C-alpha atoms as a PDB file:
ATOM      1  CA  MET A   1       0.000   0.000   0.000  1.00  0.00           C
ATOM      2  CA  GLN A   2       1.245   3.479  -0.928  1.00  0.00           C
ATOM      3  CA  ILE A   3       0.051   6.557   1.004  1.00  0.00           C
ATOM      4  CA  LEU A   4       0.480   9.885  -0.804  1.00  0.00           C
ATOM      5  CA  ASP A   5       0.071  13.148   1.080  1.00  0.00           C
ATOM      6  CA  ILE A   6      -1.545  15.819  -1.125  1.00  0.00           C
ATOM      7  CA  THR A   7      -1.867  18.420   1.648  1.00  0.00           C
ATOM      8  CA  ILE A   8       0.142  21.636   1.476  1.00  0.00           C
ATOM      9  CA  PRO A   9       2.080  22.584   4.638  1.00  0.00           C
ATOM     10  CA  LEU A  10       0.423  24.976   7.083  1.00  0.00           C
ATOM     11  CA  ASP A  11       2.737  27.519   8.627  1.00  0.00           C
ATOM     12  CA  GLU A  12       3.340  31.248   8.563  1.00  0.00           C
ATOM     13  CA  LYS A  13       4.724  30.987   5.001  1.00  0.00           C
ATOM     14  CA  THR A  14       1.597  29.281   3.607  1.00  0.00           C
ATOM     15  CA  PRO A  15       0.329  31.348   0.652  1.00  0.00           C
ATOM     16  CA  LEU A  16      -2.900  33.283   1.139  1.00  0.00           C
ATOM     17  CA  TRP A  17      -5.840  34.341  -0.956  1.00  0.00           C
ATOM     18  CA  GLU A  18      -5.593  38.051  -1.736  1.00  0.00           C
ATOM     19  CA  GLY A  19      -6.574  40.096   1.333  1.00  0.00           C
ATOM     20  CA  ASP A  20      -6.779  37.119   3.696  1.00  0.00           C
ATOM     21  CA  LYS A  21      -4.981  37.108   7.038  1.00  0.00           C
ATOM     22  CA  GLY A  22      -2.093  34.752   7.411  1.00  0.00           C
ATOM     23  CA  VAL A  23      -1.623  31.624   9.442  1.00  0.00           C
ATOM     24  CA  SER A  24      -0.326  32.373  12.917  1.00  0.00           C
ATOM     25  CA  LEU A  25       1.359  29.670  14.992  1.00  0.00           C
ATOM     26  CA  LYS A  26       2.565  31.189  18.264  1.00  0.00           C
ATOM     27  CA  ARG A  27       4.295  29.303  21.043  1.00  0.00           C
ATOM     28  CA  VAL A  28       2.706  30.198  24.382  1.00  0.00           C
ATOM     29  CA  SER A  29       4.472  27.691  26.618  1.00  0.00           C
ATOM     30  CA  TRP A  30       8.078  26.438  26.576  1.00  0.00           C
ATOM     31  CA  LEU A  31       9.686  23.454  28.256  1.00  0.00           C
ATOM     32  CA  SER A  32      12.964  25.351  28.050  1.00  0.00           C
ATOM     33  CA  ARG A  33      11.466  28.103  30.212  1.00  0.00           C
ATOM     34  CA  GLY A  34      10.264  25.767  32.929  1.00  0.00           C
ATOM     35  CA  ALA A  35       6.755  24.928  31.672  1.00  0.00           C
ATOM     36  CA  ASP A  36       5.398  21.398  31.898  1.00  0.00           C
ATOM     37  CA  PHE A  37       4.622  21.277  28.151  1.00  0.00           C
ATOM     38  CA  ASN A  38       5.377  22.966  24.850  1.00  0.00           C
ATOM     39  CA  VAL A  39       2.065  24.553  23.734  1.00  0.00           C
ATOM     40  CA  THR A  40       1.297  26.409  20.496  1.00  0.00           C
ATOM     41  CA  ARG A  41      -1.689  28.648  19.736  1.00  0.00           C
ATOM     42  CA  MET A  42      -3.064  28.700  16.176  1.00  0.00           C
ATOM     43  CA  GLU A  43      -5.024  31.389  14.349  1.00  0.00           C
ATOM     44  CA  MET A  44      -6.110  31.174  10.719  1.00  0.00           C
ATOM     45  CA  GLY A  45      -9.085  31.338   8.375  1.00  0.00           C
ATOM     46  CA  VAL A  46     -11.069  28.172   7.712  1.00  0.00           C
ATOM     47  CA  HIS A  47     -10.088  28.330   4.020  1.00  0.00           C
ATOM     48  CA  SER A  48      -6.357  28.323   4.756  1.00  0.00           C
ATOM     49  CA  GLY A  49      -4.136  25.754   3.129  1.00  0.00           C
ATOM     50  CA  THR A  50      -5.720  22.563   1.819  1.00  0.00           C
ATOM     51  CA  HIS A  51      -9.398  22.881   2.713  1.00  0.00           C
ATOM     52  CA  ILE A  52     -12.963  22.060   1.795  1.00  0.00           C
ATOM     53  CA  ASP A  53     -15.824  24.414   1.009  1.00  0.00           C
ATOM     54  CA  ALA A  54     -19.184  23.405   2.453  1.00  0.00           C
ATOM     55  CA  PRO A  55     -22.502  24.515   0.853  1.00  0.00           C
ATOM     56  CA  PHE A  56     -22.861  27.015   3.732  1.00  0.00           C
ATOM     57  CA  HIS A  57     -20.004  28.943   2.104  1.00  0.00           C
ATOM     58  CA  LEU A  58     -22.563  30.491  -0.264  1.00  0.00           C
ATOM     59  CA  PHE A  59     -26.002  29.568   1.104  1.00  0.00           C
ATOM     60  CA  ASP A  60     -27.135  30.642   4.576  1.00  0.00           C
ATOM     61  CA  HIS A  61     -29.361  27.659   5.308  1.00  0.00           C
ATOM     62  CA  ALA A  62     -27.197  24.987   3.684  1.00  0.00           C
ATOM     63  CA  VAL A  63     -25.021  22.238   5.152  1.00  0.00           C
ATOM     64  CA  SER A  64     -21.992  23.323   7.183  1.00  0.00           C
ATOM     65  CA  VAL A  65     -18.711  21.431   7.461  1.00  0.00           C
ATOM     66  CA  ASP A  66     -19.659  19.353  10.499  1.00  0.00           C
ATOM     67  CA  ALA A  67     -22.763  17.989   8.724  1.00  0.00           C
ATOM     68  CA  ILE A  68     -21.079  16.793   5.524  1.00  0.00           C
ATOM     69  CA  PRO A  69     -21.447  12.986   5.315  1.00  0.00           C
ATOM     70  CA  LEU A  70     -18.115  11.259   5.837  1.00  0.00           C
ATOM     71  CA  GLU A  71     -19.018   8.879   3.014  1.00  0.00           C
ATOM     72  CA  ILE A  72     -18.418  11.750   0.568  1.00  0.00           C
ATOM     73  CA  LEU A  73     -15.005  12.526   2.022  1.00  0.00           C
ATOM     74  CA  VAL A  74     -13.620   8.980   1.973  1.00  0.00           C
ATOM     75  CA  GLY A  75     -13.708   6.602  -0.992  1.00  0.00           C
ATOM     76  CA  ASP A  76     -12.699   5.911  -4.570  1.00  0.00           C
ATOM     77  CA  ALA A  77     -11.431   8.920  -6.519  1.00  0.00           C
ATOM     78  CA  GLN A  78     -10.112   9.558  -9.991  1.00  0.00           C
ATOM     79  CA  VAL A  79      -7.234  11.926 -10.698  1.00  0.00           C
ATOM     80  CA  VAL A  80      -7.297  13.326 -14.235  1.00  0.00           C
ATOM     81  CA  ASN A  81      -4.389  15.160 -15.821  1.00  0.00           C
ATOM     82  CA  ILE A  82      -5.455  18.340 -17.646  1.00  0.00           C
ATOM     83  CA  PRO A  83      -2.980  19.423 -20.364  1.00  0.00           C
ATOM     84  CA  ALA A  84      -0.833  22.451 -19.586  1.00  0.00           C
ATOM     85  CA  SER A  85      -2.323  24.293 -22.577  1.00  0.00           C
ATOM     86  CA  VAL A  86      -5.751  24.435 -20.890  1.00  0.00           C
ATOM     87  CA  GLY A  87      -6.504  27.635 -18.980  1.00  0.00           C
ATOM     88  CA  GLU A  88     -10.203  27.102 -18.251  1.00  0.00           C
ATOM     89  CA  ILE A  89     -11.401  23.518 -18.032  1.00  0.00           C
ATOM     90  CA  SER A  90     -14.363  22.560 -20.230  1.00  0.00           C
ATOM     91  CA  PRO A  91     -16.447  19.363 -20.277  1.00  0.00           C
ATOM     92  CA  ASP A  92     -14.583  18.331 -23.429  1.00  0.00           C
ATOM     93  CA  ASP A  93     -11.270  18.721 -21.601  1.00  0.00           C
ATOM     94  CA  LEU A  94     -12.513  16.349 -18.897  1.00  0.00           C
ATOM     95  CA  ARG A  95     -13.687  13.797 -21.438  1.00  0.00           C
ATOM     96  CA  LYS A  96     -10.408  13.950 -23.353  1.00  0.00           C
ATOM     97  CA  SER A  97      -8.498  13.553 -20.088  1.00  0.00           C
ATOM     98  CA  GLY A  98     -10.221  10.241 -19.431  1.00  0.00           C
ATOM     99  CA  LEU A  99     -12.982  11.060 -16.948  1.00  0.00           C
ATOM    100  CA  GLU A 100     -14.881   7.822 -16.456  1.00  0.00           C
ATOM    101  CA  SER A 101     -18.624   7.454 -16.014  1.00  0.00           C
ATOM    102  CA  GLY A 102     -19.826   6.865 -12.460  1.00  0.00           C
ATOM    103  CA  VAL A 103     -16.940   8.613 -10.708  1.00  0.00           C
ATOM    104  CA  LYS A 104     -18.065  10.318  -7.480  1.00  0.00           C
ATOM    105  CA  ARG A 105     -14.821  11.985  -6.415  1.00  0.00           C
ATOM    106  CA  LEU A 106     -12.684  13.774  -8.985  1.00  0.00           C
ATOM    107  CA  LEU A 107      -9.344  15.538  -8.570  1.00  0.00           C
ATOM    108  CA  LEU A 108      -8.078  17.846 -11.307  1.00  0.00           C
ATOM    109  CA  LYS A 109      -4.328  17.936 -11.841  1.00  0.00           C
ATOM    110  CA  THR A 110      -3.450  20.999 -13.896  1.00  0.00           C
ATOM    111  CA  ARG A 111      -0.414  23.160 -14.541  1.00  0.00           C
ATOM    112  CA  ASN A 112      -1.265  24.729 -11.161  1.00  0.00           C
ATOM    113  CA  SER A 113       0.584  21.864  -9.493  1.00  0.00           C
ATOM    114  CA  ASN A 114       3.867  23.353 -10.669  1.00  0.00           C
ATOM    115  CA  PHE A 115       3.201  26.434  -8.530  1.00  0.00           C
ATOM    116  CA  TRP A 116       3.831  24.323  -5.411  1.00  0.00           C
ATOM    117  CA  LYS A 117       7.345  23.669  -6.738  1.00  0.00           C
ATOM    118  CA  ASP A 118       8.213  26.880  -8.584  1.00  0.00           C
ATOM    119  CA  ASP A 119       6.430  29.546  -6.506  1.00  0.00           C
ATOM    120  CA  PRO A 120       5.096  27.909  -3.309  1.00  0.00           C
ATOM    121  CA  TYR A 121       4.707  31.027  -1.152  1.00  0.00           C
ATOM    122  CA  SER A 122       2.956  33.439  -3.538  1.00  0.00           C
ATOM    123  CA  PHE A 123      -0.628  33.890  -4.691  1.00  0.00           C
ATOM    124  CA  ARG A 124      -0.978  33.541  -8.450  1.00  0.00           C
ATOM    125  CA  ARG A 125      -3.963  34.963 -10.327  1.00  0.00           C
ATOM    126  CA  ASP A 126      -3.282  32.945 -13.497  1.00  0.00           C
ATOM    127  CA  PHE A 127      -4.442  29.625 -12.062  1.00  0.00           C
ATOM    128  CA  VAL A 128      -6.451  27.039 -13.999  1.00  0.00           C
ATOM    129  CA  ALA A 129     -10.070  26.435 -12.927  1.00  0.00           C
ATOM    130  CA  ILE A 130     -13.434  25.325 -14.291  1.00  0.00           C
ATOM    131  CA  ASN A 131     -16.154  27.460 -15.857  1.00  0.00           C
ATOM    132  CA  ALA A 132     -19.872  27.474 -15.050  1.00  0.00           C
ATOM    133  CA  ARG A 133     -20.712  25.092 -17.886  1.00  0.00           C
ATOM    134  CA  THR A 134     -18.250  22.555 -16.514  1.00  0.00           C
ATOM    135  CA  ALA A 135     -19.664  22.947 -13.005  1.00  0.00           C
ATOM    136  CA  SER A 136     -23.122  22.082 -14.364  1.00  0.00           C
ATOM    137  CA  PHE A 137     -21.643  19.142 -16.268  1.00  0.00           C
ATOM    138  CA  LEU A 138     -20.060  17.784 -13.070  1.00  0.00           C
ATOM    139  CA  VAL A 139     -23.375  18.043 -11.214  1.00  0.00           C
ATOM    140  CA  ASP A 140     -25.132  16.219 -14.060  1.00  0.00           C
ATOM    141  CA  GLU A 141     -22.441  13.509 -13.949  1.00  0.00           C
ATOM    142  CA  GLY A 142     -23.180  12.866 -10.281  1.00  0.00           C
ATOM    143  CA  ILE A 143     -19.868  14.125  -8.896  1.00  0.00           C
ATOM    144  CA  GLU A 144     -20.049  14.454  -5.099  1.00  0.00           C
ATOM    145  CA  LEU A 145     -16.577  15.889  -4.466  1.00  0.00           C
ATOM    146  CA  ILE A 146     -14.408  17.920  -6.820  1.00  0.00           C
ATOM    147  CA  GLY A 147     -10.829  18.862  -6.012  1.00  0.00           C
ATOM    148  CA  ILE A 148      -8.317  21.121  -7.702  1.00  0.00           C
ATOM    149  CA  ASP A 149      -4.638  21.881  -7.248  1.00  0.00           C
ATOM    150  CA  TYR A 150      -4.903  25.566  -6.341  1.00  0.00           C
ATOM    151  CA  PHE A 151      -6.878  28.132  -4.380  1.00  0.00           C
ATOM    152  CA  SER A 152     -10.196  28.057  -6.212  1.00  0.00           C
ATOM    153  CA  ILE A 153     -12.304  25.744  -8.340  1.00  0.00           C
ATOM    154  CA  SER A 154     -13.616  28.935 -10.016  1.00  0.00           C
ATOM    155  CA  PRO A 155     -11.516  31.224 -12.230  1.00  0.00           C
ATOM    156  CA  MET A 156     -10.651  34.790 -11.261  1.00  0.00           C
ATOM    157  CA  ALA A 157     -12.962  36.026 -14.046  1.00  0.00           C
ATOM    158  CA  ASP A 158     -16.006  34.369 -12.407  1.00  0.00           C
ATOM    159  CA  LEU A 159     -15.272  33.376  -8.842  1.00  0.00           C
ATOM    160  CA  LYS A 160     -18.860  32.902  -7.722  1.00  0.00           C
ATOM    161  CA  THR A 161     -20.909  31.105 -10.394  1.00  0.00           C
ATOM    162  CA  PRO A 162     -19.109  27.718 -10.533  1.00  0.00           C
ATOM    163  CA  HIS A 163     -19.055  27.641  -6.729  1.00  0.00           C
ATOM    164  CA  GLU A 164     -22.783  28.402  -6.612  1.00  0.00           C
ATOM    165  CA  ILE A 165     -23.652  25.637  -9.072  1.00  0.00           C
ATOM    166  CA  LEU A 166     -21.586  23.039  -7.244  1.00  0.00           C
ATOM    167  CA  LEU A 167     -22.458  23.983  -3.672  1.00  0.00           C
ATOM    168  CA  GLU A 168     -26.180  24.371  -4.367  1.00  0.00           C
ATOM    169  CA  ALA A 169     -26.118  20.764  -5.605  1.00  0.00           C
ATOM    170  CA  GLY A 170     -24.343  19.646  -2.430  1.00  0.00           C
ATOM    171  CA  VAL A 171     -20.993  18.996  -4.119  1.00  0.00           C
ATOM    172  CA  VAL A 172     -18.050  19.288  -1.727  1.00  0.00           C
ATOM    173  CA  ILE A 173     -15.198  21.425  -3.075  1.00  0.00           C
ATOM    174  CA  LEU A 174     -11.617  20.502  -2.150  1.00  0.00           C
ATOM    175  CA  GLU A 175      -9.073  23.213  -2.888  1.00  0.00           C
ATOM    176  CA  ASN A 176      -5.313  23.688  -2.615  1.00  0.00           C
ATOM    177  CA  VAL A 177      -4.315  20.056  -3.002  1.00  0.00           C
ATOM    178  CA  ASN A 178      -0.783  19.419  -4.196  1.00  0.00           C
ATOM    179  CA  LEU A 179      -0.890  16.879  -7.017  1.00  0.00           C
ATOM    180  CA  LEU A 180       2.721  17.367  -8.093  1.00  0.00           C
ATOM    181  CA  GLY A 181       4.103  13.899  -8.627  1.00  0.00           C
ATOM    182  CA  ILE A 182       0.663  12.259  -8.557  1.00  0.00           C
ATOM    183  CA  ASN A 183      -0.124  10.214 -11.653  1.00  0.00           C
ATOM    184  CA  ALA A 184      -3.523  10.140 -13.304  1.00  0.00           C
ATOM    185  CA  GLY A 185      -5.571   7.159 -12.237  1.00  0.00           C
ATOM    186  CA  PHE A 186      -7.687   5.745  -9.435  1.00  0.00           C
ATOM    187  CA  TYR A 187      -6.995   5.991  -5.722  1.00  0.00           C
ATOM    188  CA  GLN A 188      -8.690   5.892  -2.355  1.00  0.00           C
ATOM    189  CA  LEU A 189      -9.162   9.469  -1.146  1.00  0.00           C
ATOM    190  CA  VAL A 190      -9.240  10.314   2.550  1.00  0.00           C
ATOM    191  CA  CYS A 191     -10.111  13.960   3.051  1.00  0.00           C
ATOM    192  CA  LEU A 192     -11.142  14.655   6.641  1.00  0.00           C
ATOM    193  CA  PRO A 193     -11.781  18.231   7.813  1.00  0.00           C
ATOM    194  CA  MET A 194     -11.576  19.527  11.335  1.00  0.00           C
ATOM    195  CA  LYS A 195     -15.075  19.135  12.819  1.00  0.00           C
ATOM    196  CA  LEU A 196     -15.771  22.862  13.053  1.00  0.00           C
ATOM    197  CA  VAL A 197     -19.419  23.346  13.978  1.00  0.00           C
ATOM    198  CA  GLY A 198     -21.456  25.633  11.724  1.00  0.00           C
ATOM    199  CA  THR A 199     -18.599  26.776   9.509  1.00  0.00           C
ATOM    200  CA  ASP A 200     -18.394  27.346   5.754  1.00  0.00           C
ATOM    201  CA  GLY A 201     -15.051  25.590   5.340  1.00  0.00           C
ATOM    202  CA  ALA A 202     -12.308  23.766   7.203  1.00  0.00           C
ATOM    203  CA  PRO A 203      -8.670  22.752   6.747  1.00  0.00           C
ATOM    204  CA  VAL A 204      -8.160  19.084   5.869  1.00  0.00           C
ATOM    205  CA  ARG A 205      -5.422  16.498   5.799  1.00  0.00           C
ATOM    206  CA  ALA A 206      -5.911  14.930   2.389  1.00  0.00           C
ATOM    207  CA  ILE A 207      -4.229  11.716   1.319  1.00  0.00           C
ATOM    208  CA  LEU A 208      -4.435   9.312  -1.600  1.00  0.00           C
ATOM    209  CA  ILE A 209      -3.990   5.581  -1.060  1.00  0.00           C
ATOM    210  CA  ARG A 210      -2.984   3.185  -3.812  1.00  0.00           C
ATOM    211  CA  ASN A 211      -2.627  -0.564  -3.411  1.00  0.00           C
END
């Protein structure tokens, strides 16, 4: 069995969405200063690092993170490799990349993955994402979880509409996964968020398992 960590590191250098506050990890207790334990205090937004978006992110009376069924967050997943020439992913791009019928969890590996190697601490506006038509296609295909290798499933030109289409249909969005070095194919995905009650998102530790 091979376990592949697709989570980006969380520390004070973790890149941020434009205007967001950074991750703060502050030591508040030190063994070296006579305390019984080392203790660290954490402060960050719920969409920091590798995270999921719950439907409550855009709809006031929708499901929050703590109510998302675990069955969506754990199970078979397909990773598809989108060619580097693609800037906005269409349904045809997914078909050509080998998306199989019946897949419930889909991870999109794009040229974004190179950002985690070439420019891991900056926010880039030129990331690859899906358009509204593709979001509707994914809903029609029965996708329950969609992941992408950068900050947003939606492009900078239309940040809200693809999110709205997916989240209104109850699709869980997984963002900021690092798929560098991950081959296209089928895996077991484990994507468990912190059980934050009533929130619109939560950081996750996401792994892929391959036998």
